[in-house]
Amino acid sequence: MIRVLLADDETIIRAGVRAILTTEPGIEVVAEASDGREAVELARRHRPDVALLDIRMPEMDGLTAAGELRTTNPGTAVVVLTTFGEDKYIEKALDHGVAGFLLKASDPRDLISGVRAVASGGSCLSPLVARRLMTELRRAPSPRAEASIERTALLTRREQEVLGMLGAGLSNAEIARRLHLVEGTIKTYVSAIFTQLEVRNRVQAAIIAYEAGLVKDTDRAR
């Protein structure tokens, strides 16, 4: 059973997300909070597998709460619930070790698959957010783009290929099928990529892949 903590200061948002999650077998909402400080306290008490946090909340915002949870509840994977208007928070959220970003208006299937992904040690990035990031980076390359290109240049050609597919949102199993390899081999590649790039999760690796120009439209999941 995947235990989820839900934190949002809007009651109707919490009700909607809870309704989606509780209809899915194997997922249980164990606690709800209306602000970041309450979320941190409830996480200490309930030890959830996943915490879904709104960014803008009273008392303590979602990013600060994410940082607190990384220290007090390292076993809890944090997913930020965001909107298009909050793209500027993505870099800050990465610094706080979040495992993913989901839009509040996401397809319910994206929400469920995202929760399952981070609960199993992966990460999630809403397809709409991923496309928005790619568009923004193409139009106005990040100041970090040159550094990302240099970092990924140290990877082997195969590792760069895997990183590009990872950035496009493919799972290890999907990458394995594309490259005609076994999934265990892809896991080894991903681990090596994380070590070389000094990142903690797939979302951070994906951002570097975007910035380095390794993500191709043809790599995206179909």
N, C-alpha and C. Protein backbone atom coordinates (compact mmCIF):
# COMPACT_ATOMS: atom_id res chain seq x y z
N MET A 1 0.84 -1.20 0.00
CA MET A 1 0.00 0.00 0.00
C MET A 1 0.88 1.25 0.00
N ILE A 2 0.62 2.17 -0.94
CA ILE A 2 1.36 3.44 -1.00
C ILE A 2 0.62 4.45 -0.14
N ARG A 3 1.32 4.97 0.87
CA ARG A 3 0.73 5.92 1.81
C ARG A 3 1.06 7.34 1.38
N VAL A 4 0.03 8.17 1.21
CA VAL A 4 0.19 9.51 0.66
C VAL A 4 -0.25 10.58 1.64
N LEU A 5 0.56 11.62 1.74
CA LEU A 5 0.20 12.84 2.47
C LEU A 5 -0.13 13.90 1.44
N LEU A 6 -1.25 14.57 1.61
CA LEU A 6 -1.71 15.60 0.68
C LEU A 6 -1.75 16.94 1.39
N ALA A 7 -1.07 17.95 0.83
CA ALA A 7 -1.04 19.27 1.45
C ALA A 7 -1.39 20.36 0.44
N ASP A 8 -2.49 21.08 0.70
CA ASP A 8 -2.92 22.18 -0.16
C ASP A 8 -3.86 23.04 0.67
N ASP A 9 -3.74 24.36 0.54
CA ASP A 9 -4.59 25.23 1.36
C ASP A 9 -5.99 25.39 0.77
N GLU A 10 -6.22 24.85 -0.42
CA GLU A 10 -7.55 24.92 -1.03
C GLU A 10 -8.28 23.59 -0.80
N THR A 11 -9.36 23.66 -0.04
CA THR A 11 -10.11 22.46 0.31
C THR A 11 -10.60 21.70 -0.92
N ILE A 12 -11.04 22.43 -1.93
CA ILE A 12 -11.60 21.77 -3.12
C ILE A 12 -10.51 21.02 -3.89
N ILE A 13 -9.28 21.54 -3.88
CA ILE A 13 -8.18 20.85 -4.54
C ILE A 13 -7.86 19.55 -3.80
N ARG A 14 -7.79 19.64 -2.48
CA ARG A 14 -7.51 18.44 -1.68
C ARG A 14 -8.59 17.39 -1.93
N ALA A 15 -9.83 17.82 -1.95
CA ALA A 15 -10.93 16.88 -2.15
C ALA A 15 -10.83 16.20 -3.50
N GLY A 16 -10.49 16.96 -4.53
CA GLY A 16 -10.39 16.41 -5.87
C GLY A 16 -9.25 15.40 -6.00
N VAL A 17 -8.08 15.77 -5.46
CA VAL A 17 -6.93 14.87 -5.53
C VAL A 17 -7.19 13.61 -4.70
N ARG A 18 -7.77 13.79 -3.52
CA ARG A 18 -8.08 12.64 -2.67
C ARG A 18 -9.05 11.70 -3.38
N ALA A 19 -10.05 12.25 -4.04
CA ALA A 19 -11.04 11.43 -4.74
C ALA A 19 -10.38 10.60 -5.84
N ILE A 20 -9.42 11.19 -6.53
CA ILE A 20 -8.72 10.46 -7.60
C ILE A 20 -7.88 9.33 -7.02
N LEU A 21 -7.11 9.66 -5.98
CA LEU A 21 -6.17 8.68 -5.42
C LEU A 21 -6.87 7.53 -4.71
N THR A 22 -7.94 7.82 -4.01
CA THR A 22 -8.58 6.78 -3.20
C THR A 22 -9.40 5.79 -4.03
N THR A 23 -9.60 6.10 -5.30
CA THR A 23 -10.29 5.14 -6.17
C THR A 23 -9.30 4.13 -6.76
N GLU A 24 -8.01 4.37 -6.55
CA GLU A 24 -6.98 3.51 -7.13
C GLU A 24 -6.53 2.46 -6.11
N PRO A 25 -6.61 1.18 -6.45
CA PRO A 25 -6.16 0.13 -5.53
C PRO A 25 -4.68 0.30 -5.19
N GLY A 26 -4.37 0.12 -3.92
CA GLY A 26 -2.97 0.19 -3.51
C GLY A 26 -2.49 1.56 -3.12
N ILE A 27 -3.36 2.57 -3.14
CA ILE A 27 -2.99 3.93 -2.73
C ILE A 27 -3.93 4.38 -1.63
N GLU A 28 -3.37 4.94 -0.57
CA GLU A 28 -4.15 5.40 0.57
C GLU A 28 -3.70 6.79 0.99
N VAL A 29 -4.64 7.73 1.12
CA VAL A 29 -4.33 9.06 1.64
C VAL A 29 -4.40 8.98 3.16
N VAL A 30 -3.25 9.06 3.82
CA VAL A 30 -3.20 8.85 5.27
C VAL A 30 -3.31 10.15 6.06
N ALA A 31 -3.10 11.31 5.39
CA ALA A 31 -3.19 12.58 6.11
C ALA A 31 -3.35 13.72 5.11
N GLU A 32 -4.00 14.80 5.59
CA GLU A 32 -4.17 16.01 4.78
C GLU A 32 -3.77 17.22 5.60
N ALA A 33 -3.15 18.19 4.93
CA ALA A 33 -2.72 19.41 5.61
C ALA A 33 -3.11 20.61 4.77
N SER A 34 -3.33 21.73 5.46
CA SER A 34 -3.70 22.96 4.76
C SER A 34 -2.54 23.94 4.68
N ASP A 35 -1.41 23.61 5.27
CA ASP A 35 -0.22 24.46 5.15
C ASP A 35 1.03 23.60 5.30
N GLY A 36 2.18 24.18 4.95
CA GLY A 36 3.42 23.42 4.95
C GLY A 36 3.87 22.95 6.31
N ARG A 37 3.68 23.79 7.32
CA ARG A 37 4.12 23.42 8.67
C ARG A 37 3.32 22.21 9.17
N GLU A 38 2.02 22.24 8.93
CA GLU A 38 1.18 21.10 9.33
C GLU A 38 1.59 19.85 8.56
N ALA A 39 1.95 20.02 7.27
CA ALA A 39 2.37 18.88 6.46
C ALA A 39 3.61 18.22 7.04
N VAL A 40 4.57 19.02 7.49
CA VAL A 40 5.80 18.48 8.07
C VAL A 40 5.49 17.70 9.34
N GLU A 41 4.62 18.26 10.18
CA GLU A 41 4.25 17.59 11.43
C GLU A 41 3.52 16.28 11.17
N LEU A 42 2.59 16.30 10.22
CA LEU A 42 1.84 15.09 9.91
C LEU A 42 2.73 14.03 9.27
N ALA A 43 3.73 14.48 8.51
CA ALA A 43 4.66 13.53 7.90
C ALA A 43 5.48 12.82 8.96
N ARG A 44 5.87 13.55 10.00
CA ARG A 44 6.62 12.94 11.10
C ARG A 44 5.77 11.87 11.79
N ARG A 45 4.47 12.14 11.89
CA ARG A 45 3.57 11.24 12.59
C ARG A 45 3.18 10.02 11.76
N HIS A 46 2.93 10.23 10.46
CA HIS A 46 2.40 9.16 9.64
C HIS A 46 3.43 8.47 8.75
N ARG A 47 4.59 9.08 8.54
CA ARG A 47 5.65 8.51 7.71
C ARG A 47 5.12 8.06 6.35
N PRO A 48 4.56 8.97 5.56
CA PRO A 48 4.01 8.58 4.25
C PRO A 48 5.12 8.22 3.26
N ASP A 49 4.75 7.46 2.26
CA ASP A 49 5.70 7.14 1.19
C ASP A 49 5.86 8.31 0.23
N VAL A 50 4.76 9.05 0.04
CA VAL A 50 4.74 10.16 -0.90
C VAL A 50 4.05 11.36 -0.27
N ALA A 51 4.59 12.55 -0.49
CA ALA A 51 3.94 13.79 -0.04
C ALA A 51 3.66 14.64 -1.27
N LEU A 52 2.39 14.96 -1.50
CA LEU A 52 1.99 15.85 -2.58
C LEU A 52 1.81 17.24 -1.98
N LEU A 53 2.67 18.19 -2.37
CA LEU A 53 2.67 19.50 -1.75
C LEU A 53 2.36 20.61 -2.75
N ASP A 54 1.41 21.46 -2.39
CA ASP A 54 1.19 22.69 -3.14
C ASP A 54 2.38 23.61 -2.90
N ILE A 55 2.68 24.49 -3.83
CA ILE A 55 3.80 25.41 -3.63
C ILE A 55 3.40 26.55 -2.71
N ARG A 56 2.30 27.19 -3.02
CA ARG A 56 1.90 28.37 -2.25
C ARG A 56 0.94 27.97 -1.14
N MET A 57 1.43 28.00 0.08
CA MET A 57 0.61 27.70 1.25
C MET A 57 0.99 28.64 2.38
N PRO A 58 0.07 28.92 3.30
CA PRO A 58 0.39 29.78 4.44
C PRO A 58 1.30 29.08 5.45
N GLU A 59 1.80 29.84 6.38
CA GLU A 59 2.66 29.34 7.46
C GLU A 59 4.02 28.88 6.93
N MET A 60 4.01 27.92 6.03
CA MET A 60 5.24 27.43 5.41
C MET A 60 4.89 26.98 3.99
N ASP A 61 5.62 27.50 3.00
CA ASP A 61 5.30 27.13 1.61
C ASP A 61 5.77 25.72 1.31
N GLY A 62 5.33 25.20 0.16
CA GLY A 62 5.63 23.83 -0.18
C GLY A 62 7.10 23.55 -0.39
N LEU A 63 7.85 24.53 -0.91
CA LEU A 63 9.27 24.30 -1.14
C LEU A 63 10.04 24.21 0.17
N THR A 64 9.70 25.07 1.11
CA THR A 64 10.34 25.00 2.43
C THR A 64 9.99 23.68 3.11
N ALA A 65 8.72 23.29 2.98
CA ALA A 65 8.29 22.02 3.58
C ALA A 65 9.03 20.86 2.94
N ALA A 66 9.27 20.93 1.63
CA ALA A 66 10.01 19.87 0.94
C ALA A 66 11.42 19.75 1.50
N GLY A 67 12.05 20.89 1.75
CA GLY A 67 13.38 20.87 2.34
C GLY A 67 13.39 20.28 3.73
N GLU A 68 12.36 20.60 4.52
CA GLU A 68 12.25 20.04 5.87
C GLU A 68 12.06 18.52 5.80
N LEU A 69 11.23 18.08 4.88
CA LEU A 69 10.96 16.64 4.76
C LEU A 69 12.18 15.87 4.31
N ARG A 70 13.01 16.48 3.49
CA ARG A 70 14.22 15.80 3.05
C ARG A 70 15.12 15.48 4.24
N THR A 71 15.07 16.36 5.26
CA THR A 71 15.88 16.16 6.46
C THR A 71 15.20 15.23 7.46
N THR A 72 13.93 15.49 7.73
CA THR A 72 13.23 14.75 8.78
C THR A 72 12.62 13.44 8.30
N ASN A 73 12.24 13.37 7.02
CA ASN A 73 11.60 12.17 6.47
C ASN A 73 12.25 11.81 5.13
N PRO A 74 13.51 11.41 5.14
CA PRO A 74 14.19 11.12 3.87
C PRO A 74 13.55 10.00 3.07
N GLY A 75 12.73 9.18 3.72
CA GLY A 75 12.06 8.10 3.02
C GLY A 75 10.79 8.53 2.31
N THR A 76 10.39 9.79 2.50
CA THR A 76 9.18 10.31 1.86
C THR A 76 9.55 11.04 0.57
N ALA A 77 9.02 10.58 -0.55
CA ALA A 77 9.26 11.22 -1.84
C ALA A 77 8.29 12.39 -1.98
N VAL A 78 8.82 13.56 -2.33
CA VAL A 78 7.99 14.77 -2.44
C VAL A 78 7.69 15.09 -3.90
N VAL A 79 6.41 15.31 -4.17
CA VAL A 79 5.97 15.75 -5.49
C VAL A 79 5.30 17.10 -5.33
N VAL A 80 5.71 18.06 -6.14
CA VAL A 80 5.14 19.40 -6.09
C VAL A 80 3.96 19.50 -7.04
N LEU A 81 2.84 20.01 -6.53
CA LEU A 81 1.67 20.30 -7.35
C LEU A 81 1.81 21.74 -7.83
N THR A 82 1.88 21.93 -9.14
CA THR A 82 2.20 23.25 -9.67
C THR A 82 1.21 23.68 -10.74
N THR A 83 1.37 24.91 -11.20
CA THR A 83 0.59 25.45 -12.32
C THR A 83 1.58 26.04 -13.30
N PHE A 84 1.12 26.33 -14.51
CA PHE A 84 2.03 26.91 -15.50
C PHE A 84 2.65 28.21 -15.01
N GLY A 85 1.90 28.98 -14.24
CA GLY A 85 2.41 30.26 -13.76
C GLY A 85 3.51 30.13 -12.74
N GLU A 86 3.83 28.90 -12.32
CA GLU A 86 4.83 28.71 -11.28
C GLU A 86 6.08 27.99 -11.80
N ASP A 87 6.31 28.09 -13.12
CA ASP A 87 7.50 27.45 -13.70
C ASP A 87 8.78 27.95 -13.04
N LYS A 88 8.78 29.20 -12.59
CA LYS A 88 9.99 29.77 -12.00
C LYS A 88 10.41 29.05 -10.73
N TYR A 89 9.51 28.26 -10.15
CA TYR A 89 9.84 27.57 -8.91
C TYR A 89 10.54 26.23 -9.15
N ILE A 90 10.60 25.79 -10.39
CA ILE A 90 11.12 24.45 -10.66
C ILE A 90 12.56 24.30 -10.20
N GLU A 91 13.41 25.26 -10.54
CA GLU A 91 14.81 25.16 -10.13
C GLU A 91 14.94 25.13 -8.61
N LYS A 92 14.15 25.97 -7.93
CA LYS A 92 14.20 25.98 -6.47
C LYS A 92 13.73 24.64 -5.91
N ALA A 93 12.70 24.09 -6.52
CA ALA A 93 12.19 22.80 -6.04
C ALA A 93 13.23 21.70 -6.21
N LEU A 94 13.96 21.73 -7.31
CA LEU A 94 15.03 20.75 -7.52
C LEU A 94 16.07 20.85 -6.43
N ASP A 95 16.39 22.07 -6.04
CA ASP A 95 17.38 22.27 -4.98
C ASP A 95 16.90 21.68 -3.66
N HIS A 96 15.59 21.56 -3.50
CA HIS A 96 15.02 20.99 -2.28
C HIS A 96 14.79 19.48 -2.40
N GLY A 97 15.26 18.90 -3.50
CA GLY A 97 15.23 17.45 -3.63
C GLY A 97 13.88 16.84 -3.96
N VAL A 98 13.00 17.57 -4.64
CA VAL A 98 11.70 16.99 -4.97
C VAL A 98 11.86 15.91 -6.02
N ALA A 99 10.92 14.96 -6.02
CA ALA A 99 10.99 13.84 -6.95
C ALA A 99 10.16 14.06 -8.19
N GLY A 100 9.36 15.15 -8.22
CA GLY A 100 8.56 15.36 -9.42
C GLY A 100 7.68 16.60 -9.37
N PHE A 101 7.09 16.89 -10.51
CA PHE A 101 6.18 18.03 -10.68
C PHE A 101 4.93 17.56 -11.40
N LEU A 102 3.79 17.89 -10.84
CA LEU A 102 2.52 17.56 -11.48
C LEU A 102 1.64 18.80 -11.50
N LEU A 103 0.93 18.98 -12.59
CA LEU A 103 -0.03 20.08 -12.67
C LEU A 103 -1.29 19.73 -11.90
N LYS A 104 -1.87 20.74 -11.26
CA LYS A 104 -3.13 20.50 -10.56
C LYS A 104 -4.22 20.08 -11.54
N ALA A 105 -4.07 20.48 -12.80
CA ALA A 105 -5.06 20.12 -13.81
C ALA A 105 -4.64 18.89 -14.60
N SER A 106 -3.71 18.11 -14.05
CA SER A 106 -3.21 16.92 -14.75
C SER A 106 -4.33 15.91 -14.99
N ASP A 107 -4.14 15.11 -16.02
CA ASP A 107 -5.00 13.96 -16.23
C ASP A 107 -4.88 13.07 -15.00
N PRO A 108 -5.99 12.57 -14.46
CA PRO A 108 -5.92 11.70 -13.28
C PRO A 108 -4.94 10.54 -13.44
N ARG A 109 -4.78 10.05 -14.66
CA ARG A 109 -3.84 8.95 -14.89
C ARG A 109 -2.41 9.39 -14.63
N ASP A 110 -2.10 10.67 -14.96
CA ASP A 110 -0.75 11.18 -14.71
C ASP A 110 -0.49 11.28 -13.21
N LEU A 111 -1.51 11.69 -12.47
CA LEU A 111 -1.38 11.81 -11.02
C LEU A 111 -1.12 10.44 -10.40
N ILE A 112 -1.90 9.46 -10.79
CA ILE A 112 -1.75 8.12 -10.23
C ILE A 112 -0.41 7.50 -10.62
N SER A 113 -0.05 7.60 -11.90
CA SER A 113 1.22 7.02 -12.33
C SER A 113 2.39 7.75 -11.70
N GLY A 114 2.24 9.07 -11.47
CA GLY A 114 3.30 9.84 -10.82
C GLY A 114 3.53 9.39 -9.40
N VAL A 115 2.45 9.19 -8.67
CA VAL A 115 2.55 8.73 -7.28
C VAL A 115 3.22 7.36 -7.24
N ARG A 116 2.81 6.48 -8.13
CA ARG A 116 3.40 5.14 -8.15
C ARG A 116 4.88 5.20 -8.52
N ALA A 117 5.23 6.09 -9.44
CA ALA A 117 6.62 6.18 -9.88
C ALA A 117 7.54 6.63 -8.76
N VAL A 118 7.17 7.69 -8.05
CA VAL A 118 8.06 8.21 -7.01
C VAL A 118 8.07 7.27 -5.80
N ALA A 119 6.97 6.57 -5.56
CA ALA A 119 6.93 5.62 -4.44
C ALA A 119 7.89 4.46 -4.66
N SER A 120 8.17 4.16 -5.93
CA SER A 120 9.08 3.07 -6.26
C SER A 120 10.51 3.54 -6.50
N GLY A 121 10.76 4.81 -6.14
CA GLY A 121 12.12 5.33 -6.26
C GLY A 121 12.40 6.10 -7.53
N GLY A 122 11.39 6.27 -8.38
CA GLY A 122 11.57 7.02 -9.62
C GLY A 122 11.21 8.48 -9.44
N SER A 123 10.81 9.10 -10.52
CA SER A 123 10.40 10.51 -10.47
C SER A 123 9.30 10.71 -11.49
N CYS A 124 8.67 11.86 -11.44
CA CYS A 124 7.60 12.15 -12.39
C CYS A 124 7.64 13.60 -12.81
N LEU A 125 7.34 13.82 -14.06
CA LEU A 125 7.28 15.17 -14.61
C LEU A 125 6.08 15.20 -15.54
N SER A 126 5.08 16.01 -15.19
CA SER A 126 3.89 16.08 -16.02
C SER A 126 4.27 16.32 -17.47
N PRO A 127 3.67 15.58 -18.41
CA PRO A 127 4.00 15.79 -19.83
C PRO A 127 3.85 17.24 -20.26
N LEU A 128 2.84 17.93 -19.74
CA LEU A 128 2.64 19.33 -20.10
C LEU A 128 3.78 20.20 -19.56
N VAL A 129 4.22 19.92 -18.34
CA VAL A 129 5.34 20.66 -17.77
C VAL A 129 6.61 20.37 -18.55
N ALA A 130 6.80 19.10 -18.93
CA ALA A 130 8.00 18.73 -19.70
C ALA A 130 8.04 19.48 -21.02
N ARG A 131 6.91 19.54 -21.72
CA ARG A 131 6.87 20.25 -23.00
C ARG A 131 7.11 21.74 -22.80
N ARG A 132 6.56 22.28 -21.72
CA ARG A 132 6.76 23.71 -21.44
C ARG A 132 8.25 24.00 -21.18
N LEU A 133 8.89 23.13 -20.41
CA LEU A 133 10.31 23.30 -20.13
C LEU A 133 11.13 23.24 -21.41
N MET A 134 10.82 22.27 -22.26
CA MET A 134 11.57 22.12 -23.50
C MET A 134 11.40 23.36 -24.39
N THR A 135 10.17 23.86 -24.48
CA THR A 135 9.91 25.04 -25.29
C THR A 135 10.66 26.25 -24.76
N GLU A 136 10.64 26.44 -23.44
CA GLU A 136 11.32 27.57 -22.84
C GLU A 136 12.82 27.49 -23.05
N LEU A 137 13.38 26.29 -22.90
CA LEU A 137 14.83 26.14 -23.06
C LEU A 137 15.27 26.36 -24.50
N ARG A 138 14.42 26.00 -25.44
CA ARG A 138 14.75 26.22 -26.84
C ARG A 138 14.68 27.70 -27.19
N ARG A 139 13.70 28.40 -26.61
CA ARG A 139 13.51 29.82 -26.92
C ARG A 139 14.54 30.68 -26.20
N ALA A 140 14.81 30.36 -24.96
CA ALA A 140 15.75 31.14 -24.15
C ALA A 140 16.63 30.18 -23.36
N PRO A 141 17.70 29.69 -23.94
CA PRO A 141 18.56 28.71 -23.27
C PRO A 141 18.97 29.17 -21.89
N SER A 142 18.98 28.24 -20.95
CA SER A 142 19.38 28.54 -19.58
C SER A 142 20.83 28.97 -19.52
N PRO A 143 21.17 29.89 -18.59
CA PRO A 143 22.57 30.27 -18.40
C PRO A 143 23.43 29.06 -18.05
N ARG A 144 22.78 27.98 -17.58
CA ARG A 144 23.52 26.78 -17.20
C ARG A 144 23.73 25.83 -18.38
N ALA A 145 23.20 26.20 -19.56
CA ALA A 145 23.25 25.29 -20.69
C ALA A 145 24.68 24.89 -21.04
N GLU A 146 25.59 25.85 -21.07
CA GLU A 146 26.98 25.54 -21.42
C GLU A 146 27.58 24.56 -20.43
N ALA A 147 27.29 24.78 -19.13
CA ALA A 147 27.81 23.87 -18.11
C ALA A 147 27.20 22.48 -18.27
N SER A 148 25.91 22.41 -18.62
CA SER A 148 25.26 21.12 -18.80
C SER A 148 25.84 20.37 -20.00
N ILE A 149 26.17 21.11 -21.05
CA ILE A 149 26.79 20.49 -22.23
C ILE A 149 28.15 19.91 -21.86
N GLU A 150 28.90 20.66 -21.07
CA GLU A 150 30.22 20.18 -20.66
C GLU A 150 30.11 18.94 -19.76
N ARG A 151 29.12 18.95 -18.86
CA ARG A 151 28.95 17.80 -17.96
C ARG A 151 28.55 16.55 -18.72
N THR A 152 27.62 16.69 -19.67
CA THR A 152 27.16 15.51 -20.39
C THR A 152 28.20 15.03 -21.42
N ALA A 153 29.13 15.90 -21.80
CA ALA A 153 30.18 15.50 -22.74
C ALA A 153 31.08 14.43 -22.14
N LEU A 154 31.09 14.34 -20.81
CA LEU A 154 31.91 13.34 -20.13
C LEU A 154 31.26 11.96 -20.13
N LEU A 155 29.98 11.90 -20.51
CA LEU A 155 29.28 10.63 -20.59
C LEU A 155 29.64 9.91 -21.88
N THR A 156 29.49 8.60 -21.88
CA THR A 156 29.69 7.84 -23.11
C THR A 156 28.52 8.13 -24.06
N ARG A 157 28.68 7.76 -25.32
CA ARG A 157 27.62 8.00 -26.28
C ARG A 157 26.33 7.28 -25.86
N ARG A 158 26.47 6.05 -25.38
CA ARG A 158 25.30 5.30 -24.93
C ARG A 158 24.65 5.96 -23.73
N GLU A 159 25.46 6.44 -22.79
CA GLU A 159 24.90 7.13 -21.61
C GLU A 159 24.16 8.39 -22.03
N GLN A 160 24.68 9.13 -23.00
CA GLN A 160 23.99 10.31 -23.49
C GLN A 160 22.65 9.93 -24.13
N GLU A 161 22.64 8.83 -24.83
CA GLU A 161 21.41 8.35 -25.46
C GLU A 161 20.37 8.00 -24.40
N VAL A 162 20.80 7.30 -23.37
CA VAL A 162 19.90 6.93 -22.27
C VAL A 162 19.40 8.19 -21.57
N LEU A 163 20.30 9.14 -21.32
CA LEU A 163 19.91 10.38 -20.65
C LEU A 163 18.88 11.14 -21.46
N GLY A 164 19.05 11.19 -22.78
CA GLY A 164 18.07 11.87 -23.62
C GLY A 164 16.70 11.24 -23.52
N MET A 165 16.65 9.92 -23.50
CA MET A 165 15.36 9.23 -23.39
C MET A 165 14.77 9.41 -21.99
N LEU A 166 15.64 9.39 -20.98
CA LEU A 166 15.18 9.65 -19.61
C LEU A 166 14.55 11.04 -19.54
N GLY A 167 15.22 12.01 -20.16
CA GLY A 167 14.70 13.38 -20.17
C GLY A 167 13.39 13.50 -20.91
N ALA A 168 13.17 12.62 -21.89
CA ALA A 168 11.92 12.63 -22.64
C ALA A 168 10.78 11.99 -21.88
N GLY A 169 11.08 11.45 -20.69
CA GLY A 169 10.04 10.90 -19.84
C GLY A 169 9.86 9.40 -19.92
N LEU A 170 10.79 8.70 -20.60
CA LEU A 170 10.66 7.25 -20.71
C LEU A 170 11.13 6.57 -19.43
N SER A 171 10.46 5.48 -19.06
CA SER A 171 10.87 4.68 -17.93
C SER A 171 12.05 3.80 -18.32
N ASN A 172 12.67 3.16 -17.34
CA ASN A 172 13.78 2.26 -17.64
C ASN A 172 13.33 1.14 -18.59
N ALA A 173 12.14 0.62 -18.34
CA ALA A 173 11.63 -0.46 -19.19
C ALA A 173 11.43 0.01 -20.63
N GLU A 174 10.91 1.23 -20.79
CA GLU A 174 10.69 1.76 -22.14
C GLU A 174 12.01 2.02 -22.86
N ILE A 175 12.99 2.54 -22.11
CA ILE A 175 14.31 2.78 -22.71
C ILE A 175 14.93 1.45 -23.14
N ALA A 176 14.78 0.45 -22.29
CA ALA A 176 15.33 -0.88 -22.60
C ALA A 176 14.73 -1.42 -23.90
N ARG A 177 13.43 -1.25 -24.07
CA ARG A 177 12.79 -1.74 -25.29
C ARG A 177 13.29 -0.97 -26.52
N ARG A 178 13.45 0.35 -26.37
CA ARG A 178 13.91 1.16 -27.50
C ARG A 178 15.33 0.75 -27.92
N LEU A 179 16.17 0.43 -26.94
CA LEU A 179 17.57 0.13 -27.22
C LEU A 179 17.85 -1.37 -27.34
N HIS A 180 16.80 -2.18 -27.20
CA HIS A 180 16.92 -3.64 -27.30
C HIS A 180 17.92 -4.18 -26.27
N LEU A 181 17.78 -3.68 -25.03
CA LEU A 181 18.62 -4.10 -23.92
C LEU A 181 17.73 -4.58 -22.79
N VAL A 182 18.31 -5.25 -21.80
CA VAL A 182 17.52 -5.66 -20.64
C VAL A 182 17.42 -4.48 -19.68
N GLU A 183 16.35 -4.48 -18.89
CA GLU A 183 16.10 -3.35 -18.00
C GLU A 183 17.22 -3.18 -16.97
N GLY A 184 17.81 -4.29 -16.51
CA GLY A 184 18.90 -4.20 -15.54
C GLY A 184 20.08 -3.40 -16.07
N THR A 185 20.34 -3.53 -17.36
CA THR A 185 21.44 -2.78 -17.98
C THR A 185 21.13 -1.29 -17.97
N ILE A 186 19.88 -0.94 -18.24
CA ILE A 186 19.49 0.47 -18.22
C ILE A 186 19.61 1.05 -16.82
N LYS A 187 19.24 0.27 -15.82
CA LYS A 187 19.37 0.73 -14.44
C LYS A 187 20.83 1.03 -14.12
N THR A 188 21.73 0.20 -14.63
CA THR A 188 23.16 0.43 -14.41
C THR A 188 23.61 1.72 -15.09
N TYR A 189 23.14 1.93 -16.32
CA TYR A 189 23.45 3.18 -17.03
C TYR A 189 22.94 4.39 -16.26
N VAL A 190 21.68 4.32 -15.79
CA VAL A 190 21.08 5.45 -15.08
C VAL A 190 21.85 5.76 -13.80
N SER A 191 22.24 4.72 -13.07
CA SER A 191 23.02 4.92 -11.85
C SER A 191 24.35 5.60 -12.16
N ALA A 192 25.00 5.17 -13.24
CA ALA A 192 26.28 5.78 -13.62
C ALA A 192 26.09 7.23 -14.04
N ILE A 193 24.99 7.52 -14.72
CA ILE A 193 24.69 8.89 -15.15
C ILE A 193 24.48 9.79 -13.94
N PHE A 194 23.70 9.30 -12.97
CA PHE A 194 23.46 10.09 -11.75
C PHE A 194 24.78 10.41 -11.05
N THR A 195 25.65 9.43 -10.96
CA THR A 195 26.94 9.63 -10.29
C THR A 195 27.79 10.65 -11.04
N GLN A 196 27.86 10.50 -12.36
CA GLN A 196 28.69 11.39 -13.17
C GLN A 196 28.16 12.83 -13.13
N LEU A 197 26.83 12.99 -13.19
CA LEU A 197 26.23 14.33 -13.21
C LEU A 197 26.03 14.91 -11.82
N GLU A 198 26.22 14.06 -10.80
CA GLU A 198 26.03 14.48 -9.40
C GLU A 198 24.61 14.98 -9.17
N VAL A 199 23.64 14.16 -9.58
CA VAL A 199 22.23 14.48 -9.36
C VAL A 199 21.62 13.41 -8.48
N ARG A 200 20.47 13.75 -7.86
CA ARG A 200 19.83 12.84 -6.92
C ARG A 200 18.68 12.05 -7.53
N ASN A 201 18.07 12.60 -8.58
CA ASN A 201 16.90 11.91 -9.13
C ASN A 201 16.75 12.17 -10.63
N ARG A 202 15.73 11.53 -11.21
CA ARG A 202 15.52 11.60 -12.65
C ARG A 202 15.10 12.99 -13.12
N VAL A 203 14.41 13.73 -12.27
CA VAL A 203 13.98 15.07 -12.67
C VAL A 203 15.19 15.97 -12.86
N GLN A 204 16.12 15.94 -11.92
CA GLN A 204 17.33 16.75 -12.05
C GLN A 204 18.11 16.34 -13.29
N ALA A 205 18.19 15.03 -13.54
CA ALA A 205 18.90 14.56 -14.72
C ALA A 205 18.18 15.02 -15.99
N ALA A 206 16.84 15.01 -15.96
CA ALA A 206 16.08 15.43 -17.13
C ALA A 206 16.32 16.89 -17.47
N ILE A 207 16.40 17.74 -16.45
CA ILE A 207 16.65 19.17 -16.70
C ILE A 207 17.99 19.35 -17.39
N ILE A 208 19.00 18.62 -16.93
CA ILE A 208 20.32 18.71 -17.56
C ILE A 208 20.25 18.22 -19.00
N ALA A 209 19.47 17.15 -19.22
CA ALA A 209 19.31 16.63 -20.58
C ALA A 209 18.69 17.68 -21.49
N TYR A 210 17.66 18.39 -20.99
CA TYR A 210 17.05 19.46 -21.78
C TYR A 210 18.06 20.55 -22.09
N GLU A 211 18.78 20.98 -21.06
CA GLU A 211 19.72 22.09 -21.22
C GLU A 211 20.86 21.73 -22.17
N ALA A 212 21.24 20.46 -22.19
CA ALA A 212 22.35 20.03 -23.05
C ALA A 212 21.88 19.69 -24.46
N GLY A 213 20.58 19.76 -24.69
CA GLY A 213 20.05 19.49 -26.02
C GLY A 213 20.02 18.02 -26.39
N LEU A 214 19.94 17.14 -25.39
CA LEU A 214 19.95 15.70 -25.64
C LEU A 214 18.56 15.11 -25.84
N VAL A 215 17.52 15.87 -25.50
CA VAL A 215 16.15 15.35 -25.62
C VAL A 215 15.61 15.62 -27.02
N LYS A 216 15.17 14.57 -27.67
CA LYS A 216 14.63 14.68 -29.02
C LYS A 216 13.13 14.39 -29.00
N ASP A 217 12.40 15.10 -29.84
CA ASP A 217 10.96 14.87 -29.91
C ASP A 217 10.65 13.41 -30.26
N THR A 218 11.51 12.78 -31.06
CA THR A 218 11.27 11.39 -31.46
C THR A 218 11.47 10.41 -30.31
N ASP A 219 12.10 10.88 -29.20
CA ASP A 219 12.33 10.01 -28.05
C ASP A 219 11.13 9.94 -27.14
N ARG A 220 10.19 10.86 -27.30
CA ARG A 220 9.09 10.95 -26.35
C ARG A 220 8.23 9.72 -26.41
N ALA A 221 7.64 9.39 -25.22
CA ALA A 221 6.79 8.21 -25.15
C ALA A 221 5.62 8.34 -26.12
N ARG A 222 5.28 7.23 -26.74
CA ARG A 222 4.18 7.26 -27.70
C ARG A 222 3.04 6.40 -27.16
